[in-house]
Protein backbone atom coordinates (compact mmCIF):
# COMPACT_ATOMS: atom_id res chain seq x y z
CA MET A 1 66.06 196.75 100.33
CA MET A 2 66.04 196.82 104.14
CA MET A 3 67.45 193.27 104.29
CA VAL A 4 70.27 194.20 101.94
CA ALA A 5 71.11 197.23 104.10
CA ALA A 6 71.05 195.07 107.26
CA LEU A 7 73.33 192.51 105.61
CA ILE A 8 75.81 195.19 104.53
CA VAL A 9 75.88 196.70 108.03
CA SER A 10 76.40 193.32 109.71
CA LEU A 11 79.20 192.34 107.31
CA SER A 12 80.82 195.71 107.80
CA SER A 13 80.76 195.40 111.60
CA ALA A 14 82.09 191.83 111.41
CA THR A 15 84.95 193.03 109.18
CA THR A 16 85.66 195.87 111.59
CA ALA A 17 85.73 193.43 114.52
CA ALA A 18 88.03 191.04 112.63
CA ASN A 19 90.41 193.87 111.78
CA ARG A 20 90.38 195.07 115.41
CA THR A 21 91.15 191.53 116.63
CA ALA A 22 93.98 191.27 114.09
CA ALA A 23 95.49 194.56 115.25
CA GLN A 24 95.20 193.59 118.93
CA GLY A 25 96.83 190.21 118.32
CA ALA A 26 99.66 191.67 116.27
CA ALA A 27 100.30 194.25 119.01
CA GLY A 28 100.56 191.52 121.66
CA HIS A 29 97.22 192.25 123.35
CA GLY A 30 94.36 189.89 124.08
CA PRO A 31 91.54 190.24 121.57
CA SER A 32 88.11 191.64 122.46
CA ALA A 33 85.05 189.40 122.39
CA TYR A 34 82.62 189.93 119.51
CA PHE A 35 79.02 188.70 119.61
CA GLY A 36 79.88 185.84 121.96
CA ILE A 37 82.94 184.74 120.00
CA SER A 38 85.87 184.92 122.34
CA ALA A 39 89.48 184.43 121.49
CA ARG A 40 92.69 184.34 123.49
CA ARG A 41 96.42 184.59 122.85
CA VAL A 42 98.27 181.34 123.47
CA CYS A 43 101.55 179.61 122.84
CA ILE A 44 101.20 176.30 120.99
CA HIS A 45 103.31 173.21 121.54
CA PRO A 46 102.95 170.03 119.49
CA LEU A 47 102.70 166.88 121.59
CA ASP A 48 104.49 164.90 118.87
CA GLU A 49 106.00 167.22 116.26
CA ALA A 50 106.37 164.47 113.65
CA LYS A 51 102.67 163.57 113.82
CA THR A 52 101.11 167.03 114.15
CA ALA A 53 98.95 167.84 111.14
CA VAL A 54 98.45 171.57 110.55
CA GLN A 55 96.47 173.02 107.66
CA PRO A 56 98.16 175.03 106.27
CA GLY A 57 101.42 174.45 108.10
CA PRO A 58 103.78 174.91 109.71
CA LEU A 59 102.65 175.21 113.32
CA PRO A 60 103.97 178.47 114.82
CA VAL A 61 105.67 177.60 118.11
CA ASP A 62 107.98 180.60 118.49
CA HIS A 63 105.32 183.34 118.82
CA PRO A 64 101.78 183.62 120.24
CA VAL A 65 98.73 182.92 118.10
CA ILE A 66 95.07 183.58 118.70
CA VAL A 67 92.91 180.55 119.42
CA PHE A 68 89.20 180.64 118.72
CA GLY A 69 88.34 177.32 120.29
CA LEU A 70 87.28 173.88 119.19
CA THR A 71 85.19 172.80 116.26
CA GLY A 72 84.63 169.11 116.75
CA ASP A 73 88.09 167.67 117.27
CA GLU A 74 89.95 170.59 115.65
CA THR A 75 91.32 173.82 117.08
CA TRP A 76 91.20 176.96 114.94
CA LEU A 77 94.08 179.40 115.24
CA TRP A 78 94.91 182.76 113.76
CA ASN A 79 98.59 183.56 113.23
CA PRO A 80 99.21 187.34 113.12
CA GLN A 81 102.71 186.83 111.68
CA ARG A 82 101.66 184.63 108.75
CA GLU A 83 101.40 186.22 105.34
CA LYS A 84 102.22 189.75 106.45
CA SER A 85 102.02 190.85 102.83
CA THR A 86 98.28 190.16 102.59
CA ALA A 87 95.30 192.05 103.98
CA ASN A 88 93.16 188.91 103.73
CA LEU A 89 92.71 187.71 107.32
CA ALA A 90 91.68 184.23 106.14
CA ASP A 91 95.26 183.69 104.90
CA LYS A 92 96.35 183.74 108.54
CA ALA A 93 93.97 180.97 109.71
CA LEU A 94 95.26 177.55 110.76
CA ARG A 95 93.56 174.32 111.73
CA VAL A 96 95.07 171.56 113.87
CA ARG A 97 93.73 168.47 115.63
CA SER A 98 93.12 169.37 119.27
CA ASP A 99 94.60 166.13 120.60
CA GLN A 100 97.94 166.90 118.91
CA ILE A 101 98.74 170.17 120.71
CA ALA A 102 99.04 171.73 124.14
CA THR A 103 98.34 175.40 124.70
CA ARG A 104 99.23 177.82 127.45
CA PRO A 105 98.34 181.49 127.83
CA ALA A 106 100.80 183.89 126.24
CA ALA A 107 102.22 186.60 128.49
CA ARG A 108 100.57 189.98 127.98
CA GLY A 109 102.48 191.93 125.37
CA ALA A 110 104.83 189.01 124.62
CA HIS A 111 105.89 188.57 121.01
CA THR A 112 107.71 185.28 121.57
CA CYS A 113 106.89 181.98 123.24
CA PRO A 114 109.34 180.36 125.63
CA PRO A 115 110.27 176.75 124.97
CA LEU A 116 108.17 174.17 126.81
């Protein structure tokens, strides 16, 4: 019973942290770190737009996204403007090959990305 309670508490705090990160990103603020997982707001630019593979696409280049870092040769992104009609944060996740994009920090509070 104690393990079940601990699991419920940890999932609840992870959900709370994910929702806080989502709200911060949507408001144009840098997200807070959570248990060593750090994220940052960036503008994304494809190095070769025709060859950039994004799952699921398209790659958002006109507004900042939150980058969580590399997993192997892929970069994981969270797009606060994707699927605004859903509360499921996983619907806003994107994956792209790291060697196909360039990133630069998004200006604090900015809701658009300038062209490269």
